[in-house]
Amino acid sequence: NSITDRTMKSMCTMLGSLITLSHLDLSFSMNCNITDVGVIDLMDAIQSLQHLSLLRISLEYCSNVTDVGGEKIGDIVRAHTSLIDVEVNVEWTCISSGGVANLRSVRNTRSFHQLKIISQYR
């Protein structure tokens, strides 16, 4: 049973109803078949969580995620003013070095207690 864009959409509907959620730690890896579409749905749901202060998201080995998904992650983290502690793992995805640089540029837009972008291949 793998997570796909369709199952991600269902999860995001439920996630969007948790309006008082302050901490979110999600990890998708190996058997996950989400694409940029699933990442965009996820980040749109996260954007609606107005009290969210901590976000940890791992897309490790999600090889169908590209710069499009990475850009959406960066856009939402940049715009979500209550987020102060962020960790994003994009190891072994198809996000290019330019896409990773775009993610890291989030730190130039405002201050965070912690902003960690993990992208090195092991």
N, C-alpha and C. Protein backbone atom coordinates (compact mmCIF):
# COMPACT_ATOMS: atom_id res chain seq x y z
N ASN A 1 0.84 -1.19 0.00
CA ASN A 1 0.00 0.00 0.00
C ASN A 1 0.87 1.24 0.00
N SER A 2 0.90 1.90 -1.11
CA SER A 2 1.73 3.07 -1.27
C SER A 2 0.88 4.34 -1.24
N ILE A 3 1.47 5.41 -0.75
CA ILE A 3 0.79 6.70 -0.78
C ILE A 3 0.92 7.26 -2.18
N THR A 4 -0.20 7.66 -2.74
CA THR A 4 -0.23 8.25 -4.08
C THR A 4 -0.79 9.66 -3.97
N ASP A 5 -0.85 10.36 -5.09
CA ASP A 5 -1.44 11.70 -5.09
C ASP A 5 -2.91 11.64 -4.64
N ARG A 6 -3.61 10.57 -5.02
CA ARG A 6 -5.03 10.45 -4.64
C ARG A 6 -5.19 10.27 -3.13
N THR A 7 -4.39 9.38 -2.52
CA THR A 7 -4.50 9.19 -1.07
C THR A 7 -4.00 10.43 -0.33
N MET A 8 -3.04 11.14 -0.92
CA MET A 8 -2.56 12.39 -0.32
C MET A 8 -3.69 13.41 -0.29
N LYS A 9 -4.48 13.50 -1.35
CA LYS A 9 -5.59 14.45 -1.42
C LYS A 9 -6.58 14.16 -0.28
N SER A 10 -6.88 12.88 -0.04
CA SER A 10 -7.79 12.51 1.05
C SER A 10 -7.21 12.89 2.41
N MET A 11 -5.92 12.63 2.59
CA MET A 11 -5.26 12.99 3.84
C MET A 11 -5.29 14.50 4.05
N CYS A 12 -5.11 15.25 2.99
CA CYS A 12 -5.09 16.71 3.08
C CYS A 12 -6.44 17.28 3.47
N THR A 13 -7.50 16.63 3.02
CA THR A 13 -8.85 17.06 3.41
C THR A 13 -9.01 16.94 4.92
N MET A 14 -8.57 15.83 5.48
CA MET A 14 -8.63 15.63 6.92
C MET A 14 -7.70 16.60 7.64
N LEU A 15 -6.50 16.77 7.12
CA LEU A 15 -5.51 17.66 7.72
C LEU A 15 -6.02 19.09 7.79
N GLY A 16 -6.70 19.54 6.75
CA GLY A 16 -7.22 20.90 6.71
C GLY A 16 -8.25 21.19 7.78
N SER A 17 -8.86 20.12 8.34
CA SER A 17 -9.87 20.32 9.39
C SER A 17 -9.25 20.47 10.77
N LEU A 18 -7.97 20.24 10.90
CA LEU A 18 -7.28 20.33 12.19
C LEU A 18 -6.75 21.76 12.39
N ILE A 19 -7.67 22.71 12.45
CA ILE A 19 -7.28 24.12 12.37
C ILE A 19 -6.45 24.62 13.55
N THR A 20 -6.48 23.93 14.69
CA THR A 20 -5.69 24.39 15.83
C THR A 20 -4.35 23.66 15.96
N LEU A 21 -4.02 22.83 14.99
CA LEU A 21 -2.78 22.07 15.02
C LEU A 21 -1.57 23.01 15.06
N SER A 22 -0.63 22.74 15.97
CA SER A 22 0.54 23.61 16.07
C SER A 22 1.84 22.92 15.64
N HIS A 23 1.88 21.60 15.67
CA HIS A 23 3.08 20.85 15.29
C HIS A 23 2.69 19.77 14.29
N LEU A 24 3.46 19.66 13.21
CA LEU A 24 3.18 18.67 12.19
C LEU A 24 4.50 18.05 11.74
N ASP A 25 4.59 16.74 11.86
CA ASP A 25 5.79 16.00 11.49
C ASP A 25 5.36 14.88 10.55
N LEU A 26 5.70 15.02 9.27
CA LEU A 26 5.30 14.05 8.25
C LEU A 26 6.52 13.49 7.56
N SER A 27 6.51 12.19 7.33
CA SER A 27 7.62 11.55 6.63
C SER A 27 7.07 10.62 5.56
N PHE A 28 7.51 10.87 4.35
CA PHE A 28 7.15 10.02 3.21
C PHE A 28 8.46 9.51 2.65
N SER A 29 8.54 8.23 2.34
CA SER A 29 9.79 7.75 1.77
C SER A 29 9.56 6.49 0.95
N MET A 30 10.59 5.80 0.64
CA MET A 30 10.70 4.60 -0.18
C MET A 30 9.47 4.21 -1.01
N ASN A 31 8.41 3.75 -0.40
CA ASN A 31 7.25 3.25 -1.14
C ASN A 31 6.22 4.32 -1.47
N CYS A 32 6.62 5.55 -1.38
CA CYS A 32 5.70 6.66 -1.61
C CYS A 32 5.75 7.07 -3.08
N ASN A 33 4.60 7.10 -3.71
CA ASN A 33 4.54 7.44 -5.13
C ASN A 33 3.92 8.82 -5.38
N ILE A 34 4.09 9.73 -4.43
CA ILE A 34 3.53 11.06 -4.67
C ILE A 34 4.40 11.82 -5.67
N THR A 35 3.74 12.72 -6.37
CA THR A 35 4.41 13.59 -7.34
C THR A 35 4.29 15.02 -6.84
N ASP A 36 4.64 15.96 -7.70
CA ASP A 36 4.49 17.38 -7.36
C ASP A 36 3.03 17.71 -7.04
N VAL A 37 2.09 17.03 -7.69
CA VAL A 37 0.66 17.27 -7.44
C VAL A 37 0.33 16.99 -5.97
N GLY A 38 0.82 15.87 -5.44
CA GLY A 38 0.58 15.54 -4.04
C GLY A 38 1.23 16.53 -3.10
N VAL A 39 2.44 16.97 -3.43
CA VAL A 39 3.15 17.95 -2.60
C VAL A 39 2.38 19.27 -2.59
N ILE A 40 1.88 19.69 -3.74
CA ILE A 40 1.12 20.94 -3.83
C ILE A 40 -0.15 20.85 -2.99
N ASP A 41 -0.87 19.73 -3.07
CA ASP A 41 -2.06 19.53 -2.24
C ASP A 41 -1.71 19.60 -0.76
N LEU A 42 -0.61 18.93 -0.39
CA LEU A 42 -0.17 18.92 1.01
C LEU A 42 0.16 20.33 1.49
N MET A 43 0.91 21.07 0.70
CA MET A 43 1.30 22.41 1.12
C MET A 43 0.12 23.37 1.16
N ASP A 44 -0.85 23.19 0.28
CA ASP A 44 -2.07 24.00 0.35
C ASP A 44 -2.82 23.72 1.65
N ALA A 45 -2.88 22.45 2.07
CA ALA A 45 -3.53 22.10 3.34
C ALA A 45 -2.76 22.70 4.51
N ILE A 46 -1.44 22.65 4.45
CA ILE A 46 -0.61 23.21 5.52
C ILE A 46 -0.80 24.72 5.62
N GLN A 47 -0.97 25.37 4.49
CA GLN A 47 -1.17 26.82 4.49
C GLN A 47 -2.40 27.22 5.30
N SER A 48 -3.42 26.35 5.34
CA SER A 48 -4.65 26.68 6.06
C SER A 48 -4.53 26.49 7.57
N LEU A 49 -3.44 25.89 8.03
CA LEU A 49 -3.24 25.65 9.47
C LEU A 49 -2.61 26.88 10.11
N GLN A 50 -3.45 27.81 10.51
CA GLN A 50 -3.00 29.13 10.95
C GLN A 50 -2.18 29.12 12.24
N HIS A 51 -2.30 28.08 13.06
CA HIS A 51 -1.58 28.04 14.34
C HIS A 51 -0.31 27.20 14.26
N LEU A 52 0.01 26.69 13.08
CA LEU A 52 1.16 25.81 12.92
C LEU A 52 2.46 26.58 13.15
N SER A 53 3.25 26.11 14.11
CA SER A 53 4.53 26.77 14.39
C SER A 53 5.71 25.86 14.08
N LEU A 54 5.51 24.54 14.11
CA LEU A 54 6.58 23.60 13.82
C LEU A 54 6.17 22.70 12.66
N LEU A 55 7.01 22.62 11.64
CA LEU A 55 6.75 21.76 10.49
C LEU A 55 8.01 20.98 10.17
N ARG A 56 7.87 19.67 10.18
CA ARG A 56 8.93 18.79 9.72
C ARG A 56 8.33 17.92 8.63
N ILE A 57 8.92 17.98 7.46
CA ILE A 57 8.43 17.19 6.34
C ILE A 57 9.61 16.53 5.65
N SER A 58 9.52 15.22 5.51
CA SER A 58 10.57 14.47 4.84
C SER A 58 9.99 13.81 3.59
N LEU A 59 10.62 14.11 2.46
CA LEU A 59 10.24 13.51 1.18
C LEU A 59 11.38 12.63 0.67
N GLU A 60 12.15 12.10 1.59
CA GLU A 60 13.33 11.32 1.24
C GLU A 60 12.95 10.14 0.33
N TYR A 61 13.66 10.01 -0.76
CA TYR A 61 13.46 8.97 -1.77
C TYR A 61 12.15 9.12 -2.55
N CYS A 62 11.49 10.25 -2.48
CA CYS A 62 10.29 10.49 -3.29
C CYS A 62 10.78 11.01 -4.65
N SER A 63 11.13 10.09 -5.52
CA SER A 63 11.83 10.44 -6.76
C SER A 63 10.94 11.11 -7.80
N ASN A 64 9.64 11.21 -7.56
CA ASN A 64 8.75 11.89 -8.50
C ASN A 64 8.50 13.34 -8.11
N VAL A 65 9.18 13.81 -7.08
CA VAL A 65 9.05 15.21 -6.66
C VAL A 65 10.18 16.00 -7.30
N THR A 66 9.81 17.09 -7.98
CA THR A 66 10.78 17.91 -8.72
C THR A 66 10.83 19.32 -8.15
N ASP A 67 11.46 20.22 -8.90
CA ASP A 67 11.55 21.63 -8.49
C ASP A 67 10.18 22.26 -8.32
N VAL A 68 9.17 21.78 -9.03
CA VAL A 68 7.81 22.34 -8.91
C VAL A 68 7.30 22.13 -7.48
N GLY A 69 7.46 20.91 -6.95
CA GLY A 69 7.06 20.64 -5.57
C GLY A 69 7.92 21.40 -4.58
N GLY A 70 9.22 21.46 -4.85
CA GLY A 70 10.13 22.19 -3.98
C GLY A 70 9.79 23.67 -3.91
N GLU A 71 9.43 24.24 -5.06
CA GLU A 71 9.05 25.65 -5.10
C GLU A 71 7.79 25.91 -4.28
N LYS A 72 6.84 24.98 -4.34
CA LYS A 72 5.60 25.14 -3.56
C LYS A 72 5.91 25.08 -2.07
N ILE A 73 6.79 24.16 -1.66
CA ILE A 73 7.18 24.09 -0.25
C ILE A 73 7.78 25.43 0.18
N GLY A 74 8.70 25.96 -0.62
CA GLY A 74 9.33 27.24 -0.30
C GLY A 74 8.33 28.37 -0.22
N ASP A 75 7.39 28.42 -1.17
CA ASP A 75 6.38 29.49 -1.18
C ASP A 75 5.53 29.47 0.08
N ILE A 76 5.10 28.27 0.50
CA ILE A 76 4.23 28.18 1.68
C ILE A 76 5.01 28.49 2.95
N VAL A 77 6.22 27.95 3.08
CA VAL A 77 7.04 28.23 4.27
C VAL A 77 7.33 29.72 4.36
N ARG A 78 7.62 30.34 3.24
CA ARG A 78 7.91 31.78 3.18
C ARG A 78 6.70 32.60 3.63
N ALA A 79 5.51 32.20 3.21
CA ALA A 79 4.29 32.99 3.46
C ALA A 79 3.61 32.66 4.79
N HIS A 80 3.90 31.52 5.37
CA HIS A 80 3.21 31.06 6.59
C HIS A 80 3.88 31.70 7.80
N THR A 81 3.37 32.83 8.25
CA THR A 81 4.06 33.64 9.26
C THR A 81 4.11 33.01 10.65
N SER A 82 3.27 32.05 10.96
CA SER A 82 3.33 31.44 12.29
C SER A 82 4.40 30.34 12.38
N LEU A 83 4.90 29.89 11.24
CA LEU A 83 5.96 28.86 11.24
C LEU A 83 7.27 29.46 11.70
N ILE A 84 7.83 28.89 12.78
CA ILE A 84 9.12 29.38 13.27
C ILE A 84 10.16 28.28 13.32
N ASP A 85 9.74 27.03 13.27
CA ASP A 85 10.65 25.89 13.35
C ASP A 85 10.33 24.97 12.17
N VAL A 86 11.22 24.92 11.18
CA VAL A 86 10.96 24.20 9.93
C VAL A 86 12.14 23.30 9.59
N GLU A 87 11.83 22.06 9.24
CA GLU A 87 12.84 21.15 8.72
C GLU A 87 12.25 20.46 7.50
N VAL A 88 12.95 20.53 6.38
CA VAL A 88 12.51 19.91 5.13
C VAL A 88 13.63 19.01 4.63
N ASN A 89 13.30 17.74 4.43
CA ASN A 89 14.28 16.78 3.90
C ASN A 89 13.87 16.41 2.48
N VAL A 90 14.71 16.77 1.52
CA VAL A 90 14.43 16.46 0.12
C VAL A 90 15.55 15.58 -0.48
N GLU A 91 16.16 14.76 0.37
CA GLU A 91 17.22 13.87 -0.12
C GLU A 91 16.63 12.83 -1.07
N TRP A 92 17.36 12.58 -2.14
CA TRP A 92 17.00 11.57 -3.14
C TRP A 92 15.66 11.85 -3.81
N THR A 93 15.35 13.11 -4.00
CA THR A 93 14.21 13.51 -4.84
C THR A 93 14.79 13.98 -6.16
N CYS A 94 13.95 14.50 -7.04
CA CYS A 94 14.43 15.07 -8.30
C CYS A 94 14.46 16.59 -8.23
N ILE A 95 14.57 17.13 -7.02
CA ILE A 95 14.73 18.57 -6.86
C ILE A 95 16.19 18.90 -7.18
N SER A 96 16.38 19.79 -8.12
CA SER A 96 17.73 20.14 -8.58
C SER A 96 18.46 21.02 -7.56
N SER A 97 19.73 21.25 -7.82
CA SER A 97 20.49 22.13 -6.93
C SER A 97 19.89 23.54 -6.93
N GLY A 98 19.36 23.98 -8.08
CA GLY A 98 18.69 25.28 -8.14
C GLY A 98 17.42 25.30 -7.30
N GLY A 99 16.69 24.19 -7.32
CA GLY A 99 15.48 24.08 -6.50
C GLY A 99 15.80 24.10 -5.02
N VAL A 100 16.89 23.44 -4.64
CA VAL A 100 17.33 23.44 -3.24
C VAL A 100 17.76 24.85 -2.84
N ALA A 101 18.46 25.54 -3.74
CA ALA A 101 18.87 26.92 -3.46
C ALA A 101 17.64 27.81 -3.24
N ASN A 102 16.59 27.57 -4.03
CA ASN A 102 15.34 28.32 -3.86
C ASN A 102 14.74 28.03 -2.48
N LEU A 103 14.75 26.77 -2.07
CA LEU A 103 14.24 26.42 -0.74
C LEU A 103 15.05 27.11 0.35
N ARG A 104 16.36 27.09 0.20
CA ARG A 104 17.22 27.71 1.22
C ARG A 104 17.07 29.23 1.25
N SER A 105 16.64 29.82 0.15
CA SER A 105 16.48 31.28 0.10
C SER A 105 15.34 31.76 0.99
N VAL A 106 14.51 30.83 1.47
CA VAL A 106 13.42 31.20 2.38
C VAL A 106 13.97 31.95 3.58
N ARG A 107 15.16 31.57 4.03
CA ARG A 107 15.74 32.21 5.22
C ARG A 107 16.04 33.69 4.99
N ASN A 108 16.10 34.12 3.74
CA ASN A 108 16.36 35.53 3.44
C ASN A 108 15.12 36.40 3.54
N THR A 109 13.95 35.77 3.68
CA THR A 109 12.70 36.54 3.67
C THR A 109 12.22 36.94 5.05
N ARG A 110 12.56 36.14 6.05
CA ARG A 110 12.16 36.46 7.42
C ARG A 110 12.94 35.57 8.37
N SER A 111 12.81 35.81 9.67
CA SER A 111 13.59 35.02 10.62
C SER A 111 12.80 33.80 11.10
N PHE A 112 13.53 32.77 11.41
CA PHE A 112 12.99 31.53 11.94
C PHE A 112 13.76 31.18 13.20
N HIS A 113 13.13 30.49 14.13
CA HIS A 113 13.88 29.95 15.26
C HIS A 113 14.84 28.90 14.71
N GLN A 114 14.34 28.05 13.82
CA GLN A 114 15.18 27.06 13.13
C GLN A 114 14.64 26.84 11.73
N LEU A 115 15.50 26.86 10.75
CA LEU A 115 15.16 26.48 9.38
C LEU A 115 16.25 25.56 8.88
N LYS A 116 15.88 24.31 8.63
CA LYS A 116 16.86 23.31 8.21
C LYS A 116 16.38 22.66 6.93
N ILE A 117 17.20 22.76 5.89
CA ILE A 117 16.91 22.13 4.61
C ILE A 117 17.96 21.02 4.42
N ILE A 118 17.51 19.78 4.35
CA ILE A 118 18.42 18.64 4.20
C ILE A 118 18.33 18.18 2.75
N SER A 119 19.46 18.23 2.05
CA SER A 119 19.42 17.87 0.64
C SER A 119 20.61 17.05 0.18
N GLN A 120 21.61 16.85 1.00
CA GLN A 120 22.79 16.12 0.57
C GLN A 120 22.46 14.64 0.39
N TYR A 121 23.02 14.07 -0.66
CA TYR A 121 22.88 12.64 -0.86
C TYR A 121 23.84 11.92 0.07
N ARG A 122 23.37 10.83 0.65
CA ARG A 122 24.23 10.09 1.57
C ARG A 122 25.05 9.07 0.83
